N, C-alpha and C. Protein backbone atom coordinates (compact mmCIF):
# COMPACT_ATOMS: atom_id res chain seq x y z
N MET A 1 48.72 -6.27 19.05
CA MET A 1 47.81 -6.86 18.02
C MET A 1 46.50 -6.68 18.20
N ASN A 2 45.66 -6.09 17.04
CA ASN A 2 44.33 -6.34 17.63
C ASN A 2 43.54 -7.52 18.00
N PRO A 3 42.81 -7.51 18.67
CA PRO A 3 42.08 -8.94 19.12
C PRO A 3 41.26 -9.48 17.50
N VAL A 4 40.74 -8.80 17.23
CA VAL A 4 39.70 -9.13 15.95
C VAL A 4 40.93 -9.29 14.76
N PHE A 5 41.61 -9.04 14.41
CA PHE A 5 42.89 -9.34 13.50
C PHE A 5 43.36 -10.67 13.80
N ALA A 6 43.65 -11.06 15.11
CA ALA A 6 44.16 -12.25 15.41
C ALA A 6 42.81 -13.49 15.68
N ILE A 7 42.00 -12.80 15.43
CA ILE A 7 41.00 -13.93 15.63
C ILE A 7 40.91 -14.26 13.69
N LEU A 8 40.55 -13.06 13.19
CA LEU A 8 40.51 -13.27 11.60
C LEU A 8 41.70 -14.33 11.13
N VAL A 9 42.75 -13.70 11.74
CA VAL A 9 44.07 -14.53 11.02
C VAL A 9 43.89 -16.14 11.47
N VAL A 10 43.69 -16.42 12.52
CA VAL A 10 43.36 -17.59 13.00
C VAL A 10 42.22 -18.59 12.11
N LEU A 11 41.03 -17.73 11.97
CA LEU A 11 40.12 -18.27 11.11
C LEU A 11 40.49 -18.64 9.62
N ALA A 12 41.36 -17.72 9.23
CA ALA A 12 41.97 -17.76 7.69
C ALA A 12 42.95 -19.27 7.76
N VAL A 13 43.38 -19.43 8.62
CA VAL A 13 44.88 -20.48 9.00
C VAL A 13 43.68 -21.45 8.85
N ILE A 14 42.58 -21.51 9.49
CA ILE A 14 41.80 -22.81 9.62
C ILE A 14 40.98 -22.87 8.28
N LEU A 15 40.29 -22.01 7.59
CA LEU A 15 39.87 -22.30 6.24
C LEU A 15 40.72 -22.67 5.06
N LEU A 16 42.23 -22.20 5.31
CA LEU A 16 43.30 -22.56 4.43
C LEU A 16 43.64 -23.94 4.63
N TRP A 17 43.89 -24.77 5.88
CA TRP A 17 43.97 -25.66 6.34
C TRP A 17 42.98 -26.94 5.69
N PHE A 18 41.57 -26.59 5.67
CA PHE A 18 40.79 -27.27 5.21
C PHE A 18 40.37 -27.30 3.81
N LEU A 19 40.82 -26.06 3.01
CA LEU A 19 40.74 -26.03 1.71
C LEU A 19 42.23 -26.59 0.62
N LEU A 20 43.01 -26.60 1.52
CA LEU A 20 44.55 -27.55 1.01
C LEU A 20 44.62 -28.81 1.53
N SER A 21 43.70 -29.22 2.14
CA SER A 21 44.03 -30.70 3.02
C SER A 21 43.53 -31.77 1.74
N PRO A 22 42.48 -31.57 0.82
CA PRO A 22 42.43 -32.73 -0.16
C PRO A 22 43.35 -32.91 -1.12
N ALA A 23 44.44 -31.80 -1.46
CA ALA A 23 45.50 -31.50 -2.10
C ALA A 23 46.86 -32.50 -1.24
N PHE A 24 46.98 -32.73 -0.32
CA PHE A 24 47.84 -33.82 0.66
C PHE A 24 47.68 -35.12 0.37
N ILE A 25 46.38 -35.51 0.22
CA ILE A 25 46.12 -37.00 0.25
C ILE A 25 46.93 -37.38 -1.22
N PRO A 26 46.63 -36.86 -2.37
CA PRO A 26 47.33 -37.61 -3.30
C PRO A 26 49.20 -37.72 -3.35
N LEU A 27 49.43 -36.70 -2.55
CA LEU A 27 51.35 -36.39 -2.31
C LEU A 27 51.38 -37.58 -1.07
N GLY A 28 50.64 -37.88 -0.16
CA GLY A 28 50.60 -38.77 0.62
C GLY A 28 50.69 -40.22 0.33
N LYS A 29 50.11 -40.31 -0.81
CA LYS A 29 49.67 -41.53 -1.22
C LYS A 29 50.96 -42.00 -2.38
N ILE A 30 51.82 -40.63 -2.87
CA ILE A 30 53.06 -41.27 -3.76
C ILE A 30 54.03 -41.16 -2.71
N ILE A 31 54.35 -40.20 -1.63
CA ILE A 31 55.19 -40.63 -0.49
C ILE A 31 55.57 -42.07 -0.08
N TYR A 32 54.02 -42.35 0.52
CA TYR A 32 54.08 -43.99 0.95
C TYR A 32 54.46 -44.79 0.14
N ARG A 33 54.15 -44.97 -1.47
CA ARG A 33 54.43 -45.59 -2.43
C ARG A 33 55.99 -45.82 -2.56
N VAL A 34 56.39 -44.56 -2.52
CA VAL A 34 57.92 -44.43 -2.72
C VAL A 34 58.69 -45.15 -1.24
N TRP A 35 58.06 -44.82 -0.02
CA TRP A 35 58.92 -45.25 0.88
C TRP A 35 58.50 -46.75 1.04
N ARG A 36 57.52 -47.25 0.43
CA ARG A 36 57.18 -49.01 0.64
C ARG A 36 57.88 -49.42 -0.77
N ASP A 37 58.38 -49.13 -1.50
CA ASP A 37 59.22 -49.66 -2.42
C ASP A 37 60.55 -49.62 -1.90
N ALA A 38 60.98 -48.52 -1.21
CA ALA A 38 62.44 -48.35 -0.90
C ALA A 38 62.61 -49.34 0.41
N VAL A 39 61.53 -49.77 1.23
CA VAL A 39 61.91 -50.59 2.39
C VAL A 39 62.06 -52.17 1.75
N ASP A 40 60.93 -52.35 0.54
CA ASP A 40 60.91 -53.71 -0.16
C ASP A 40 62.11 -53.90 -0.69
N GLU A 41 62.97 -53.17 -0.94
CA GLU A 41 64.01 -53.12 -1.85
C GLU A 41 65.17 -53.46 -0.93
N ILE A 42 65.45 -52.67 0.17
CA ILE A 42 65.90 -53.04 1.32
C ILE A 42 65.81 -54.18 1.87
N LYS A 43 64.58 -54.82 2.18
CA LYS A 43 64.31 -56.22 2.83
C LYS A 43 65.06 -57.08 1.69
N LYS A 44 64.85 -56.97 0.26
CA LYS A 44 65.33 -57.80 -0.71
C LYS A 44 66.64 -57.98 -0.80
N ASP A 45 67.75 -57.04 -0.51
CA ASP A 45 68.83 -57.00 -0.58
C ASP A 45 69.27 -57.75 0.72
N GLU A 46 68.71 -57.54 1.86
CA GLU A 46 69.45 -58.22 3.13
C GLU A 46 68.89 -59.82 2.85
N LYS A 47 67.61 -60.17 2.35
CA LYS A 47 67.61 -61.63 2.05
C LYS A 47 68.62 -62.15 0.83
N GLU A 48 69.06 -61.59 -0.30
CA GLU A 48 70.12 -61.78 -0.75
C GLU A 48 71.44 -62.09 -0.45
N LYS A 49 72.24 -61.03 0.66
CA LYS A 49 73.30 -61.33 1.22
C LYS A 49 73.22 -62.20 2.45
N GLU A 50 72.01 -62.37 3.17
CA GLU A 50 71.85 -63.78 3.69
C GLU A 50 72.33 -65.28 3.28
N GLU A 51 71.95 -65.22 1.83
CA GLU A 51 71.59 -66.32 0.95
C GLU A 51 73.30 -66.44 0.59
């Protein structure tokens, strides 16, 4: 593979990373909220079983 092409590919991937990274912030918030709600429900169910 041509070294210049490899460098261009690496630069393109880095540029794509920085361009797409703001899109993952809302996605991460949504996933975190779903995860937190699931953990809260599991803990609530465990407390009910103990009582």
